[in-house]
Protein backbone atom coordinates (compact mmCIF):
# COMPACT_ATOMS: atom_id res chain seq x y z
CA UNK A 1 32.40 -18.63 24.60
CA UNK A 2 32.62 -18.74 20.83
CA UNK A 3 29.58 -21.04 20.67
CA UNK A 4 27.60 -18.72 22.94
CA UNK A 5 28.57 -15.74 20.75
CA UNK A 6 27.28 -17.39 17.57
CA UNK A 7 24.10 -18.63 19.27
CA UNK A 8 23.42 -15.08 20.40
CA UNK A 9 24.10 -13.74 16.92
CA UNK A 10 21.71 -16.24 15.32
CA UNK A 11 18.94 -15.46 17.82
CA UNK A 12 19.39 -11.72 17.24
CA UNK A 13 19.24 -12.16 13.46
CA UNK A 14 16.18 -14.37 13.50
CA UNK A 15 14.20 -12.23 15.92
CA UNK A 16 15.08 -8.76 14.61
CA UNK A 17 12.40 -6.98 12.56
CA UNK A 18 12.75 -7.58 8.83
CA UNK A 19 13.19 -4.53 6.65
CA UNK A 20 12.48 -3.66 3.05
CA UNK A 21 14.12 -0.62 1.49
CA UNK A 22 15.15 0.43 4.98
CA UNK A 23 11.58 0.35 6.30
CA UNK A 24 10.51 -2.00 9.07
CA UNK A 25 8.14 -4.56 7.60
CA UNK A 26 5.00 -5.02 9.68
CA UNK A 27 3.09 -8.09 8.61
CA UNK A 28 0.24 -10.14 10.06
CA UNK A 29 0.10 -13.72 8.80
CA UNK A 30 -2.94 -14.58 10.92
CA UNK A 31 -5.00 -11.67 9.59
CA UNK A 32 -3.77 -12.43 6.08
CA UNK A 33 -5.08 -15.98 6.20
CA UNK A 34 -8.39 -14.81 7.66
CA UNK A 35 -8.77 -12.33 4.79
CA UNK A 36 -7.79 -15.05 2.31
CA UNK A 37 -10.57 -17.33 3.59
CA UNK A 38 -13.06 -14.47 3.41
CA UNK A 39 -12.09 -13.78 -0.22
CA UNK A 40 -12.45 -17.46 -1.08
CA UNK A 41 -15.88 -17.57 0.58
CA UNK A 42 -16.95 -14.58 -1.54
CA UNK A 43 -15.51 -15.99 -4.77
CA UNK A 44 -12.97 -13.23 -5.41
CA UNK A 45 -9.65 -14.87 -4.56
CA UNK A 46 -6.91 -15.10 -7.18
CA UNK A 47 -6.66 -18.64 -8.64
CA UNK A 48 -3.59 -19.72 -6.66
CA UNK A 49 -2.06 -23.20 -6.55
CA UNK A 50 -0.24 -23.72 -3.26
CA UNK A 51 3.49 -24.33 -3.59
CA UNK A 52 5.97 -25.80 -1.15
CA UNK A 53 8.86 -23.92 -2.77
CA UNK A 54 10.54 -21.23 -0.71
CA UNK A 55 11.51 -17.84 -2.15
CA UNK A 56 15.06 -18.89 -3.01
CA UNK A 57 13.86 -22.01 -4.85
CA UNK A 58 11.33 -19.98 -6.82
CA UNK A 59 13.98 -17.46 -7.82
CA UNK A 60 16.32 -20.25 -8.95
CA UNK A 61 13.66 -21.94 -11.11
CA UNK A 62 12.44 -18.70 -12.69
CA UNK A 63 16.03 -17.69 -13.42
CA UNK A 64 16.74 -20.99 -15.17
CA UNK A 65 13.62 -20.68 -17.33
CA UNK A 66 14.21 -17.00 -18.05
CA UNK A 67 17.61 -17.94 -19.42
CA UNK A 68 15.78 -20.18 -21.92
CA UNK A 69 13.54 -17.26 -22.96
CA UNK A 70 16.58 -15.02 -23.46
CA UNK A 71 18.33 -17.69 -25.51
CA UNK A 72 15.25 -18.33 -27.68
CA UNK A 73 14.98 -14.61 -28.40
CA UNK A 74 18.56 -14.69 -29.63
CA UNK A 75 20.15 -12.42 -27.04
CA UNK A 76 23.72 -12.92 -25.92
CA UNK A 77 23.77 -13.85 -22.22
CA UNK A 78 27.54 -13.38 -22.19
CA UNK A 79 27.11 -9.65 -22.77
CA UNK A 80 27.66 -7.67 -19.56
CA UNK A 81 24.34 -5.83 -19.98
CA UNK A 82 22.32 -9.06 -20.24
CA UNK A 83 24.34 -11.53 -18.17
CA UNK A 84 22.42 -10.75 -14.97
CA UNK A 85 19.00 -10.21 -16.54
CA UNK A 86 17.53 -13.64 -15.77
CA UNK A 87 18.43 -13.32 -12.10
CA UNK A 88 17.10 -9.76 -11.89
CA UNK A 89 13.80 -10.78 -13.49
CA UNK A 90 13.44 -13.75 -11.14
CA UNK A 91 14.03 -11.62 -8.03
CA UNK A 92 11.65 -8.96 -9.36
CA UNK A 93 8.82 -11.47 -9.82
CA UNK A 94 9.22 -13.19 -6.45
CA UNK A 95 10.18 -10.28 -4.19
CA UNK A 96 8.36 -7.37 -5.80
CA UNK A 97 5.78 -7.81 -8.56
CA UNK A 98 4.25 -10.99 -7.08
CA UNK A 99 4.93 -10.51 -3.37
CA UNK A 100 1.18 -10.16 -2.75
CA UNK A 101 0.65 -13.84 -3.56
CA UNK A 102 1.92 -14.71 -0.07
CA UNK A 103 -0.51 -13.97 2.75
CA UNK A 104 2.43 -14.26 5.12
CA UNK A 105 3.25 -10.76 3.83
CA UNK A 106 -0.20 -9.31 4.51
CA UNK A 107 0.25 -5.91 6.18
CA UNK A 108 -0.35 -5.42 9.86
CA UNK A 109 -3.51 -3.31 10.05
CA UNK A 110 -4.00 -1.04 13.05
CA UNK A 111 -7.64 -0.46 13.94
CA UNK A 112 -8.83 1.80 16.72
CA UNK A 113 -12.04 2.11 18.66
CA UNK A 114 -14.34 4.72 17.14
CA UNK A 115 -14.58 6.62 20.44
CA UNK A 116 -16.00 9.77 18.85
CA UNK A 117 -18.85 7.86 17.25
CA UNK A 118 -17.84 9.32 13.89
CA UNK A 119 -20.52 8.34 11.38
CA UNK A 120 -19.56 10.22 8.20
CA UNK A 121 -17.47 8.91 5.35
CA UNK A 122 -13.69 8.74 5.48
CA UNK A 123 -12.15 9.12 2.02
CA UNK A 124 -8.55 8.53 1.02
CA UNK A 125 -7.81 9.73 -2.49
CA UNK A 126 -5.26 9.01 -5.19
CA UNK A 127 -3.59 5.94 -3.70
CA UNK A 128 -1.03 5.00 -6.33
CA UNK A 129 -0.44 1.37 -7.25
CA UNK A 130 1.40 -0.79 -9.78
CA UNK A 131 0.12 -4.21 -10.75
CA UNK A 132 0.65 -6.79 -13.47
CA UNK A 133 -1.90 -7.98 -16.01
CA UNK A 134 -2.28 -11.73 -15.60
CA UNK A 135 -3.09 -12.12 -19.31
CA UNK A 136 0.18 -10.72 -20.65
CA UNK A 137 2.41 -10.19 -17.57
CA UNK A 138 2.87 -6.49 -18.31
CA UNK A 139 2.26 -3.55 -16.02
CA UNK A 140 -0.93 -1.67 -15.29
CA UNK A 141 -0.97 1.21 -12.88
CA UNK A 142 -3.22 3.94 -11.62
CA UNK A 143 -5.06 5.37 -8.64
CA UNK A 144 -7.45 3.98 -6.05
CA UNK A 145 -10.06 6.05 -4.21
CA UNK A 146 -11.14 4.37 -0.98
CA UNK A 147 -13.96 5.35 1.39
CA UNK A 148 -15.73 3.85 4.36
CA UNK A 149 -18.26 4.91 6.98
CA UNK A 150 -16.98 3.73 10.37
CA UNK A 151 -18.89 1.30 12.50
CA UNK A 152 -17.14 0.49 15.78
CA UNK A 153 -13.59 0.96 14.49
CA UNK A 154 -11.44 3.22 12.34
CA UNK A 155 -8.26 2.21 10.56
CA UNK A 156 -4.81 3.78 10.49
CA UNK A 157 -4.65 5.87 7.32
CA UNK A 158 -1.52 4.36 5.78
CA UNK A 159 -3.04 0.88 6.12
CA UNK A 160 -5.43 1.62 3.27
CA UNK A 161 -2.39 2.23 1.03
CA UNK A 162 -0.79 -1.00 2.21
CA UNK A 163 -3.90 -3.08 1.55
CA UNK A 164 -4.19 -1.66 -1.98
CA UNK A 165 -0.50 -2.33 -2.60
CA UNK A 166 -0.70 -5.89 -1.25
CA UNK A 167 -3.43 -6.97 -3.66
CA UNK A 168 -1.84 -5.07 -6.54
CA UNK A 169 1.43 -6.97 -6.14
CA UNK A 170 0.29 -10.11 -7.92
CA UNK A 171 -0.86 -11.05 -11.43
CA UNK A 172 -4.27 -9.40 -11.59
CA UNK A 173 -7.27 -8.21 -13.52
CA UNK A 174 -8.55 -4.82 -12.45
CA UNK A 175 -12.05 -6.05 -11.68
CA UNK A 176 -10.75 -8.64 -9.20
CA UNK A 177 -8.31 -6.17 -7.66
CA UNK A 178 -11.25 -3.86 -6.94
CA UNK A 179 -13.26 -6.68 -5.36
CA UNK A 180 -10.37 -7.95 -3.23
CA UNK A 181 -9.69 -4.52 -1.73
CA UNK A 182 -13.41 -4.10 -1.04
CA UNK A 183 -13.89 -7.44 0.72
CA UNK A 184 -10.64 -7.14 2.70
CA UNK A 185 -11.76 -3.79 4.09
CA UNK A 186 -15.28 -5.10 4.71
CA UNK A 187 -13.82 -7.95 6.80
CA UNK A 188 -11.29 -5.83 8.69
CA UNK A 189 -13.64 -2.91 9.46
CA UNK A 190 -16.75 -5.06 10.01
CA UNK A 191 -18.99 -2.83 7.91
CA UNK A 192 -20.78 -2.99 4.56
CA UNK A 193 -20.23 0.74 4.05
CA UNK A 194 -17.17 0.45 1.82
CA UNK A 195 -16.46 2.11 -1.53
CA UNK A 196 -13.58 1.34 -3.90
CA UNK A 197 -12.99 3.20 -7.18
CA UNK A 198 -9.98 2.36 -9.35
CA UNK A 199 -8.74 4.05 -12.52
CA UNK A 200 -5.78 2.56 -14.37
CA UNK A 201 -3.84 2.49 -17.64
CA UNK A 202 -2.84 -0.89 -19.04
CA UNK A 203 0.35 -1.56 -20.98
CA UNK A 204 -1.30 -4.59 -22.59
CA UNK A 205 -3.47 -2.03 -24.42
CA UNK A 206 -0.81 0.65 -24.88
CA UNK A 207 2.24 -1.41 -25.90
CA UNK A 208 0.64 -4.26 -27.88
CA UNK A 209 -2.56 -5.20 -29.66
CA UNK A 210 -4.57 -2.06 -30.44
CA UNK A 211 -1.73 0.18 -29.26
CA UNK A 212 -4.09 2.83 -27.83
CA UNK A 213 -2.04 5.39 -25.90
CA UNK A 214 -4.79 7.41 -24.21
CA UNK A 215 -7.58 5.12 -23.00
CA UNK A 216 -7.99 4.03 -19.41
CA UNK A 217 -10.21 1.73 -17.37
CA UNK A 218 -12.36 2.50 -14.33
CA UNK A 219 -13.89 -0.08 -11.98
CA UNK A 220 -15.87 0.33 -8.78
CA UNK A 221 -17.31 -1.72 -5.95
CA UNK A 222 -19.82 -0.04 -3.63
CA UNK A 223 -21.44 -1.55 -0.56
CA UNK A 224 -23.94 -0.55 2.10
CA UNK A 225 -25.01 3.10 1.99
CA UNK A 226 -22.57 3.79 -0.85
CA UNK A 227 -24.69 1.44 -2.96
CA UNK A 228 -28.25 1.97 -1.80
CA UNK A 229 -28.31 5.66 -0.78
CA UNK A 230 -28.09 8.01 -3.73
CA UNK A 231 -26.95 10.96 -1.61
CA UNK A 232 -24.02 8.99 -0.13
CA UNK A 233 -23.11 7.55 -3.52
CA UNK A 234 -23.14 11.01 -5.13
CA UNK A 235 -21.07 12.54 -2.31
CA UNK A 236 -18.40 9.84 -2.67
CA UNK A 237 -18.25 10.14 -6.46
CA UNK A 238 -18.01 13.92 -6.19
CA UNK A 239 -15.17 13.77 -3.67
CA UNK A 240 -13.37 10.96 -5.51
CA UNK A 241 -13.46 12.73 -8.88
CA UNK A 242 -12.75 16.24 -7.61
């Protein structure tokens, strides 16, 4: 009976939905790998070297090396404020800031038949994101404006936020982030009529180097009618910047 109890407990634990911050995590590994291949084919994938390390092994290695960094800087790892820093940094990199490197964590994207035949643009504004500059490993953050003109399908609204967040959660440059969101949506929605506009502030500019506190960066990727029809392009830019 005891053996049956523990077998049941293990099965329940393994099969229950995983959660993050109390929210059920809905992921789609198959779609993630399809999107990954599409990004590779279009030359916009992040330069990733495949690793056989699991999350726990990555955290352990990063923690060990972060301890070296802390020691070299001359900080006292015995101090109660710093003693857990290396572990916190390691978990932050693997589980949060770089979680978008794993296509196993690609969000489940709900698409629905466009039964109404809706043929005007759908715009979602001011999607917030946080990413990390791959040149200096410091934060950049801002807003994404996303639009598409439906073909045969429409997408659940929150999925646009999740796709932006997935590609933001990795070492990035803003230009590539813009392209990755564009091509992922192009693949999922099966349409060229996609528009992505991103505005962000970069700590690598604000906190080091030139130390400029007020400048920002804007990038865009427009496809289909958003690119070749001036009226559609102008409508999107007007709505996005309003």
